[in-house]
Amino acid sequence: MNIFLKSVGVFGLIFMLGCNSQTQKETRADINKQYNEFKVDFEKKLSALEKKIDSLESKTSEMPGEAKENVSEVLNDLEAKRSEISETLKELADSSKDNYADVKLKLEHSYEKLENEVNKAFN
């Protein structure tokens, strides 16, 4: 009887580990699917914003000295924010189920800050 209970216990443990592994695979697949869908939409928004930045950059060649320097500083700041967004997007790709929502929120917040700065630069 004791051997029977041990074998049932070992089988149960193996079964639970197998189920846990399957759940982890499904969770990773779900996160990857969410990430890929989000990334496509996010990159479209980011591309439109980058076009605005490029437009601003092309206008700097026509500006006089001090204005050109000010806009160049703004462009450097925008580029830094853009780089931060790229890093956060990579972080999102590697995130776990537990921190995916937090990283996504951080990314969306960084995008909004960049968008506001770009809009300010045009005013």
Protein backbone atom coordinates (compact mmCIF):
# COMPACT_ATOMS: atom_id res chain seq x y z
CA MET A 1 0.00 0.00 0.00
CA ASN A 2 2.78 2.38 0.89
CA ILE A 3 4.47 1.78 -2.50
CA PHE A 4 1.15 2.40 -4.24
CA LEU A 5 0.75 5.78 -2.52
CA LYS A 6 4.32 6.75 -3.40
CA SER A 7 3.83 5.85 -7.05
CA VAL A 8 0.56 7.80 -7.18
CA GLY A 9 2.33 10.74 -5.53
CA VAL A 10 5.19 10.64 -8.04
CA PHE A 11 2.75 10.33 -10.95
CA GLY A 12 0.72 13.26 -9.60
CA LEU A 13 3.86 15.38 -9.30
CA ILE A 14 4.93 14.57 -12.86
CA PHE A 15 1.43 15.31 -14.11
CA MET A 16 1.36 18.68 -12.31
CA LEU A 17 4.77 19.63 -13.68
CA GLY A 18 3.69 18.69 -17.17
CA CYS A 19 0.54 20.76 -16.87
CA ASN A 20 2.51 23.68 -15.49
CA SER A 21 4.94 23.48 -18.41
CA GLN A 22 2.06 23.42 -20.88
CA THR A 23 0.45 26.40 -19.15
CA GLN A 24 3.73 28.31 -19.35
CA LYS A 25 3.97 27.57 -23.08
CA GLU A 26 0.41 28.73 -23.64
CA THR A 27 1.04 31.86 -21.58
CA ARG A 28 4.20 32.68 -23.56
CA ALA A 29 2.27 32.11 -26.79
CA ASP A 30 -0.49 34.43 -25.60
CA ILE A 31 2.02 37.12 -24.67
CA ASN A 32 3.77 36.77 -28.03
CA LYS A 33 0.45 37.11 -29.84
CA GLN A 34 -0.52 40.18 -27.81
CA TYR A 35 2.93 41.67 -28.35
CA ASN A 36 2.88 41.12 -32.12
CA GLU A 37 -0.57 42.69 -32.47
CA PHE A 38 0.40 45.62 -30.26
CA LYS A 39 3.72 46.08 -32.06
CA VAL A 40 2.10 46.40 -35.49
CA ASP A 41 -0.31 49.10 -34.29
CA PHE A 42 2.33 50.84 -32.22
CA GLU A 43 4.86 50.97 -35.06
CA LYS A 44 2.25 52.61 -37.32
CA LYS A 45 1.71 55.35 -34.75
CA LEU A 46 5.43 55.72 -34.20
CA SER A 47 6.10 55.93 -37.92
CA ALA A 48 3.63 58.80 -38.29
CA LEU A 49 5.33 60.60 -35.42
CA GLU A 50 8.77 60.03 -36.94
CA LYS A 51 7.57 61.65 -40.17
CA LYS A 52 6.71 64.77 -38.17
CA ILE A 53 10.15 64.73 -36.59
CA ASP A 54 11.78 64.36 -40.01
CA SER A 55 9.70 67.28 -41.25
CA LEU A 56 10.90 69.42 -38.37
CA GLU A 57 14.48 68.35 -38.99
CA SER A 58 14.28 69.32 -42.66
CA LYS A 59 13.04 72.78 -41.68
CA THR A 60 16.08 73.46 -39.51
CA SER A 61 18.29 74.05 -42.53
CA GLU A 62 16.22 77.13 -43.37
CA MET A 63 16.37 78.59 -39.85
CA PRO A 64 18.72 81.34 -38.66
CA GLY A 65 21.51 80.53 -36.13
CA GLU A 66 19.88 80.69 -32.68
CA ALA A 67 16.55 79.22 -33.79
CA LYS A 68 18.42 76.43 -35.54
CA GLU A 69 20.37 75.67 -32.35
CA ASN A 70 17.18 75.62 -30.27
CA VAL A 71 15.44 73.27 -32.68
CA SER A 72 18.54 71.07 -32.84
CA GLU A 73 18.41 70.72 -29.04
CA VAL A 74 14.74 69.80 -29.25
CA LEU A 75 15.51 67.25 -31.97
CA ASN A 76 18.26 65.71 -29.83
CA ASP A 77 15.80 65.40 -26.94
CA LEU A 78 13.21 63.84 -29.24
CA GLU A 79 15.76 61.35 -30.51
CA ALA A 80 16.67 60.39 -26.95
CA LYS A 81 13.00 59.79 -26.15
CA ARG A 82 12.66 57.78 -29.36
CA SER A 83 15.62 55.60 -28.38
CA GLU A 84 14.05 55.04 -24.97
CA ILE A 85 10.89 53.87 -26.68
CA SER A 86 12.88 51.40 -28.81
CA GLU A 87 14.48 49.94 -25.69
CA THR A 88 11.13 49.67 -23.94
CA LEU A 89 9.64 47.94 -27.00
CA LYS A 90 12.45 45.37 -26.79
CA GLU A 91 11.76 45.01 -23.07
CA LEU A 92 8.10 44.38 -23.87
CA ALA A 93 9.04 41.59 -26.27
CA ASP A 94 10.95 39.84 -23.50
CA SER A 95 8.48 40.52 -20.70
CA SER A 96 6.73 37.87 -18.69
CA LYS A 97 3.02 37.52 -18.13
CA ASP A 98 3.47 39.19 -14.76
CA ASN A 99 5.10 42.39 -16.00
CA TYR A 100 3.74 42.63 -19.58
CA ALA A 101 0.99 45.09 -18.64
CA ASP A 102 3.40 47.29 -16.67
CA VAL A 103 5.95 47.44 -19.49
CA LYS A 104 3.21 48.12 -22.04
CA LEU A 105 1.89 50.97 -19.90
CA LYS A 106 5.41 52.38 -19.59
CA LEU A 107 5.78 52.20 -23.37
CA GLU A 108 2.47 53.93 -24.00
CA HIS A 109 3.36 56.64 -21.49
CA SER A 110 6.75 57.20 -23.16
CA TYR A 111 5.02 57.46 -26.54
CA GLU A 112 2.55 60.04 -25.22
CA LYS A 113 5.43 62.12 -23.82
CA LEU A 114 7.20 61.98 -27.18
CA GLU A 115 4.02 62.86 -29.05
CA ASN A 116 3.44 65.86 -26.76
CA GLU A 117 7.01 67.06 -27.25
CA VAL A 118 6.71 66.75 -31.04
CA ASN A 119 3.45 68.69 -31.03
CA LYS A 120 5.05 71.36 -28.81
CA ALA A 121 7.94 71.66 -31.25
CA PHE A 122 5.51 72.47 -34.06
CA ASN A 123 3.83 75.25 -32.06
